[in-house]
Amino acid sequence: MNQYPQDYYYTPAEYQAAQWQGVLGTLMGVAVLVAMAAWAFSLVKKAIKGEEVKYPL
């Protein structure tokens, strides 16, 4: 046998689905990163102003 079974070959539609999963995952990761950075900078801003800063941990 010199070929893989047919199950190992993907159609363009399956590649496209995987590509969109990757794009969506990347966008969600970037959104979470931006949200965490905004939260961290708000804490730093409060600390610089001299306000009380409570950490969640």
PDB file of N, CA and C in Angstrom:
ATOM      1  N   MET A   1       0.858  -1.186   0.000  1.00  0.00           N
ATOM      2  CA  MET A   1       0.000   0.000   0.000  1.00  0.00           C
ATOM      3  C   MET A   1       0.895   1.237   0.000  1.00  0.00           C
ATOM      4  N   ASN A   2       0.769   2.051  -0.997  1.00  0.00           N
ATOM      5  CA  ASN A   2       1.649   3.207  -1.109  1.00  0.00           C
ATOM      6  C   ASN A   2       0.914   4.535  -0.932  1.00  0.00           C
ATOM      7  N   GLN A   3      -0.318   4.490  -0.444  1.00  0.00           N
ATOM      8  CA  GLN A   3      -1.069   5.722  -0.198  1.00  0.00           C
ATOM      9  C   GLN A   3      -1.744   5.649   1.162  1.00  0.00           C
ATOM     10  N   TYR A   4      -2.001   6.837   1.739  1.00  0.00           N
ATOM     11  CA  TYR A   4      -2.775   6.883   2.973  1.00  0.00           C
ATOM     12  C   TYR A   4      -4.236   6.581   2.652  1.00  0.00           C
ATOM     13  N   PRO A   5      -4.972   6.069   3.622  1.00  0.00           N
ATOM     14  CA  PRO A   5      -6.417   5.887   3.390  1.00  0.00           C
ATOM     15  C   PRO A   5      -7.092   7.225   3.084  1.00  0.00           C
ATOM     16  N   GLN A   6      -8.229   7.180   2.468  1.00  0.00           N
ATOM     17  CA  GLN A   6      -8.929   8.393   2.037  1.00  0.00           C
ATOM     18  C   GLN A   6      -9.260   9.311   3.215  1.00  0.00           C
ATOM     19  N   ASP A   7      -9.411   8.759   4.416  1.00  0.00           N
ATOM     20  CA  ASP A   7      -9.743   9.567   5.597  1.00  0.00           C
ATOM     21  C   ASP A   7      -8.677  10.600   5.922  1.00  0.00           C
ATOM     22  N   TYR A   8      -7.439  10.371   5.471  1.00  0.00           N
ATOM     23  CA  TYR A   8      -6.358  11.286   5.812  1.00  0.00           C
ATOM     24  C   TYR A   8      -6.312  12.508   4.897  1.00  0.00           C
ATOM     25  N   TYR A   9      -7.073  12.505   3.827  1.00  0.00           N
ATOM     26  CA  TYR A   9      -7.080  13.649   2.920  1.00  0.00           C
ATOM     27  C   TYR A   9      -8.201  14.595   3.316  1.00  0.00           C
ATOM     28  N   TYR A  10      -7.888  15.866   3.376  1.00  0.00           N
ATOM     29  CA  TYR A  10      -8.878  16.854   3.793  1.00  0.00           C
ATOM     30  C   TYR A  10      -9.387  17.624   2.580  1.00  0.00           C
ATOM     31  N   THR A  11     -10.637  18.026   2.660  1.00  0.00           N
ATOM     32  CA  THR A  11     -11.216  18.840   1.592  1.00  0.00           C
ATOM     33  C   THR A  11     -10.923  20.303   1.898  1.00  0.00           C
ATOM     34  N   PRO A  12     -11.002  21.170   0.888  1.00  0.00           N
ATOM     35  CA  PRO A  12     -10.781  22.603   1.153  1.00  0.00           C
ATOM     36  C   PRO A  12     -11.743  23.164   2.199  1.00  0.00           C
ATOM     37  N   ALA A  13     -12.961  22.660   2.269  1.00  0.00           N
ATOM     38  CA  ALA A  13     -13.920  23.150   3.266  1.00  0.00           C
ATOM     39  C   ALA A  13     -13.424  22.848   4.678  1.00  0.00           C
ATOM     40  N   GLU A  14     -12.803  21.692   4.876  1.00  0.00           N
ATOM     41  CA  GLU A  14     -12.284  21.354   6.204  1.00  0.00           C
ATOM     42  C   GLU A  14     -11.081  22.222   6.565  1.00  0.00           C
ATOM     43  N   TYR A  15     -10.242  22.527   5.591  1.00  0.00           N
ATOM     44  CA  TYR A  15      -9.128  23.436   5.846  1.00  0.00           C
ATOM     45  C   TYR A  15      -9.644  24.820   6.217  1.00  0.00           C
ATOM     46  N   GLN A  16     -10.680  25.269   5.520  1.00  0.00           N
ATOM     47  CA  GLN A  16     -11.221  26.600   5.790  1.00  0.00           C
ATOM     48  C   GLN A  16     -11.805  26.678   7.201  1.00  0.00           C
ATOM     49  N   ALA A  17     -12.492  25.617   7.628  1.00  0.00           N
ATOM     50  CA  ALA A  17     -13.051  25.593   8.979  1.00  0.00           C
ATOM     51  C   ALA A  17     -11.938  25.692  10.016  1.00  0.00           C
ATOM     52  N   ALA A  18     -10.854  24.969   9.798  1.00  0.00           N
ATOM     53  CA  ALA A  18      -9.735  25.016  10.738  1.00  0.00           C
ATOM     54  C   ALA A  18      -9.098  26.402  10.743  1.00  0.00           C
ATOM     55  N   GLN A  19      -9.034  27.030   9.573  1.00  0.00           N
ATOM     56  CA  GLN A  19      -8.452  28.369   9.486  1.00  0.00           C
ATOM     57  C   GLN A  19      -9.298  29.369  10.278  1.00  0.00           C
ATOM     58  N   TRP A  20     -10.629  29.276  10.171  1.00  0.00           N
ATOM     59  CA  TRP A  20     -11.484  30.210  10.908  1.00  0.00           C
ATOM     60  C   TRP A  20     -11.395  29.965  12.402  1.00  0.00           C
ATOM     61  N   GLN A  21     -11.231  28.716  12.797  1.00  0.00           N
ATOM     62  CA  GLN A  21     -11.046  28.431  14.227  1.00  0.00           C
ATOM     63  C   GLN A  21      -9.783  29.117  14.740  1.00  0.00           C
ATOM     64  N   GLY A  22      -8.732  29.060  13.955  1.00  0.00           N
ATOM     65  CA  GLY A  22      -7.481  29.700  14.351  1.00  0.00           C
ATOM     66  C   GLY A  22      -7.620  31.206  14.430  1.00  0.00           C
ATOM     67  N   VAL A  23      -8.302  31.798  13.462  1.00  0.00           N
ATOM     68  CA  VAL A  23      -8.493  33.256  13.447  1.00  0.00           C
ATOM     69  C   VAL A  23      -9.323  33.691  14.642  1.00  0.00           C
ATOM     70  N   LEU A  24     -10.421  32.966  14.905  1.00  0.00           N
ATOM     71  CA  LEU A  24     -11.271  33.323  16.041  1.00  0.00           C
ATOM     72  C   LEU A  24     -10.528  33.174  17.362  1.00  0.00           C
ATOM     73  N   GLY A  25      -9.758  32.104  17.505  1.00  0.00           N
ATOM     74  CA  GLY A  25      -8.983  31.913  18.728  1.00  0.00           C
ATOM     75  C   GLY A  25      -7.973  33.021  18.943  1.00  0.00           C
ATOM     76  N   THR A  26      -7.334  33.446  17.860  1.00  0.00           N
ATOM     77  CA  THR A  26      -6.365  34.537  17.956  1.00  0.00           C
ATOM     78  C   THR A  26      -7.046  35.835  18.361  1.00  0.00           C
ATOM     79  N   LEU A  27      -8.182  36.139  17.741  1.00  0.00           N
ATOM     80  CA  LEU A  27      -8.903  37.369  18.083  1.00  0.00           C
ATOM     81  C   LEU A  27      -9.368  37.360  19.535  1.00  0.00           C
ATOM     82  N   MET A  28      -9.839  36.222  20.009  1.00  0.00           N
ATOM     83  CA  MET A  28     -10.268  36.135  21.409  1.00  0.00           C
ATOM     84  C   MET A  28      -9.078  36.316  22.350  1.00  0.00           C
ATOM     85  N   GLY A  29      -7.947  35.743  21.997  1.00  0.00           N
ATOM     86  CA  GLY A  29      -6.750  35.911  22.816  1.00  0.00           C
ATOM     87  C   GLY A  29      -6.301  37.356  22.889  1.00  0.00           C
ATOM     88  N   VAL A  30      -6.350  38.045  21.756  1.00  0.00           N
ATOM     89  CA  VAL A  30      -5.970  39.460  21.722  1.00  0.00           C
ATOM     90  C   VAL A  30      -6.946  40.289  22.556  1.00  0.00           C
ATOM     91  N   ALA A  31      -8.245  39.977  22.460  1.00  0.00           N
ATOM     92  CA  ALA A  31      -9.245  40.719  23.239  1.00  0.00           C
ATOM     93  C   ALA A  31      -9.013  40.552  24.738  1.00  0.00           C
ATOM     94  N   VAL A  32      -8.703  39.337  25.170  1.00  0.00           N
ATOM     95  CA  VAL A  32      -8.434  39.088  26.595  1.00  0.00           C
ATOM     96  C   VAL A  32      -7.173  39.824  27.026  1.00  0.00           C
ATOM     97  N   LEU A  33      -6.163  39.813  26.174  1.00  0.00           N
ATOM     98  CA  LEU A  33      -4.914  40.498  26.496  1.00  0.00           C
ATOM     99  C   LEU A  33      -5.139  42.005  26.650  1.00  0.00           C
ATOM    100  N   VAL A  34      -5.922  42.594  25.755  1.00  0.00           N
ATOM    101  CA  VAL A  34      -6.220  44.031  25.832  1.00  0.00           C
ATOM    102  C   VAL A  34      -7.004  44.341  27.103  1.00  0.00           C
ATOM    103  N   ALA A  35      -7.980  43.493  27.429  1.00  0.00           N
ATOM    104  CA  ALA A  35      -8.775  43.720  28.642  1.00  0.00           C
ATOM    105  C   ALA A  35      -7.908  43.647  29.900  1.00  0.00           C
ATOM    106  N   MET A  36      -7.012  42.663  29.965  1.00  0.00           N
ATOM    107  CA  MET A  36      -6.142  42.539  31.136  1.00  0.00           C
ATOM    108  C   MET A  36      -5.168  43.707  31.227  1.00  0.00           C
ATOM    109  N   ALA A  37      -4.673  44.174  30.088  1.00  0.00           N
ATOM    110  CA  ALA A  37      -3.756  45.315  30.098  1.00  0.00           C
ATOM    111  C   ALA A  37      -4.481  46.574  30.578  1.00  0.00           C
ATOM    112  N   ALA A  38      -5.712  46.769  30.131  1.00  0.00           N
ATOM    113  CA  ALA A  38      -6.489  47.940  30.573  1.00  0.00           C
ATOM    114  C   ALA A  38      -6.723  47.882  32.082  1.00  0.00           C
ATOM    115  N   TRP A  39      -7.042  46.699  32.584  1.00  0.00           N
ATOM    116  CA  TRP A  39      -7.257  46.554  34.027  1.00  0.00           C
ATOM    117  C   TRP A  39      -5.967  46.841  34.799  1.00  0.00           C
ATOM    118  N   ALA A  40      -4.854  46.321  34.311  1.00  0.00           N
ATOM    119  CA  ALA A  40      -3.574  46.529  35.002  1.00  0.00           C
ATOM    120  C   ALA A  40      -3.188  48.003  34.992  1.00  0.00           C
ATOM    121  N   PHE A  41      -3.375  48.662  33.859  1.00  0.00           N
ATOM    122  CA  PHE A  41      -3.032  50.086  33.790  1.00  0.00           C
ATOM    123  C   PHE A  41      -3.941  50.928  34.673  1.00  0.00           C
ATOM    124  N   SER A  42      -5.199  50.516  34.831  1.00  0.00           N
ATOM    125  CA  SER A  42      -6.086  51.261  35.726  1.00  0.00           C
ATOM    126  C   SER A  42      -5.608  51.132  37.171  1.00  0.00           C
ATOM    127  N   LEU A  43      -5.102  49.942  37.544  1.00  0.00           N
ATOM    128  CA  LEU A  43      -4.559  49.774  38.897  1.00  0.00           C
ATOM    129  C   LEU A  43      -3.309  50.626  39.100  1.00  0.00           C
ATOM    130  N   VAL A  44      -2.462  50.677  38.096  1.00  0.00           N
ATOM    131  CA  VAL A  44      -1.244  51.479  38.191  1.00  0.00           C
ATOM    132  C   VAL A  44      -1.609  52.950  38.318  1.00  0.00           C
ATOM    133  N   LYS A  45      -2.604  53.377  37.548  1.00  0.00           N
ATOM    134  CA  LYS A  45      -3.035  54.777  37.608  1.00  0.00           C
ATOM    135  C   LYS A  45      -3.559  55.139  39.002  1.00  0.00           C
ATOM    136  N   LYS A  46      -4.353  54.209  39.588  1.00  0.00           N
ATOM    137  CA  LYS A  46      -4.850  54.446  40.948  1.00  0.00           C
ATOM    138  C   LYS A  46      -3.698  54.529  41.935  1.00  0.00           C
ATOM    139  N   ALA A  47      -2.719  53.639  41.795  1.00  0.00           N
ATOM    140  CA  ALA A  47      -1.586  53.617  42.725  1.00  0.00           C
ATOM    141  C   ALA A  47      -0.778  54.897  42.609  1.00  0.00           C
ATOM    142  N   ILE A  48      -0.609  55.408  41.408  1.00  0.00           N
ATOM    143  CA  ILE A  48       0.148  56.649  41.219  1.00  0.00           C
ATOM    144  C   ILE A  48      -0.580  57.831  41.852  1.00  0.00           C
ATOM    145  N   LYS A  49      -1.916  57.811  41.758  1.00  0.00           N
ATOM    146  CA  LYS A  49      -2.711  58.893  42.364  1.00  0.00           C
ATOM    147  C   LYS A  49      -2.715  58.805  43.886  1.00  0.00           C
ATOM    148  N   GLY A  50      -2.304  57.664  44.429  1.00  0.00           N
ATOM    149  CA  GLY A  50      -2.277  57.488  45.874  1.00  0.00           C
ATOM    150  C   GLY A  50      -3.529  56.857  46.425  1.00  0.00           C
ATOM    151  N   GLU A  51      -4.424  56.411  45.551  1.00  0.00           N
ATOM    152  CA  GLU A  51      -5.649  55.754  46.023  1.00  0.00           C
ATOM    153  C   GLU A  51      -5.323  54.326  46.475  1.00  0.00           C
ATOM    154  N   GLU A  52      -6.239  53.763  47.266  1.00  0.00           N
ATOM    155  CA  GLU A  52      -6.043  52.397  47.745  1.00  0.00           C
ATOM    156  C   GLU A  52      -6.283  51.426  46.583  1.00  0.00           C
ATOM    157  N   VAL A  53      -5.374  50.490  46.446  1.00  0.00           N
ATOM    158  CA  VAL A  53      -5.483  49.495  45.381  1.00  0.00           C
ATOM    159  C   VAL A  53      -5.647  48.124  46.020  1.00  0.00           C
ATOM    160  N   LYS A  54      -6.742  47.429  45.669  1.00  0.00           N
ATOM    161  CA  LYS A  54      -6.986  46.091  46.197  1.00  0.00           C
ATOM    162  C   LYS A  54      -6.740  45.090  45.081  1.00  0.00           C
ATOM    163  N   TYR A  55      -5.863  44.145  45.354  1.00  0.00           N
ATOM    164  CA  TYR A  55      -5.578  43.106  44.374  1.00  0.00           C
ATOM    165  C   TYR A  55      -6.532  41.942  44.602  1.00  0.00           C
ATOM    166  N   PRO A  56      -6.918  41.265  43.547  1.00  0.00           N
ATOM    167  CA  PRO A  56      -7.904  40.182  43.694  1.00  0.00           C
ATOM    168  C   PRO A  56      -7.365  38.926  44.357  1.00  0.00           C
ATOM    169  N   LEU A  57      -6.059  38.810  44.520  1.00  0.00           N
ATOM    170  CA  LEU A  57      -5.509  37.589  45.116  1.00  0.00           C
ATOM    171  C   LEU A  57      -5.304  37.731  46.603  1.00  0.00           C
TER     172      LEU A  57
END
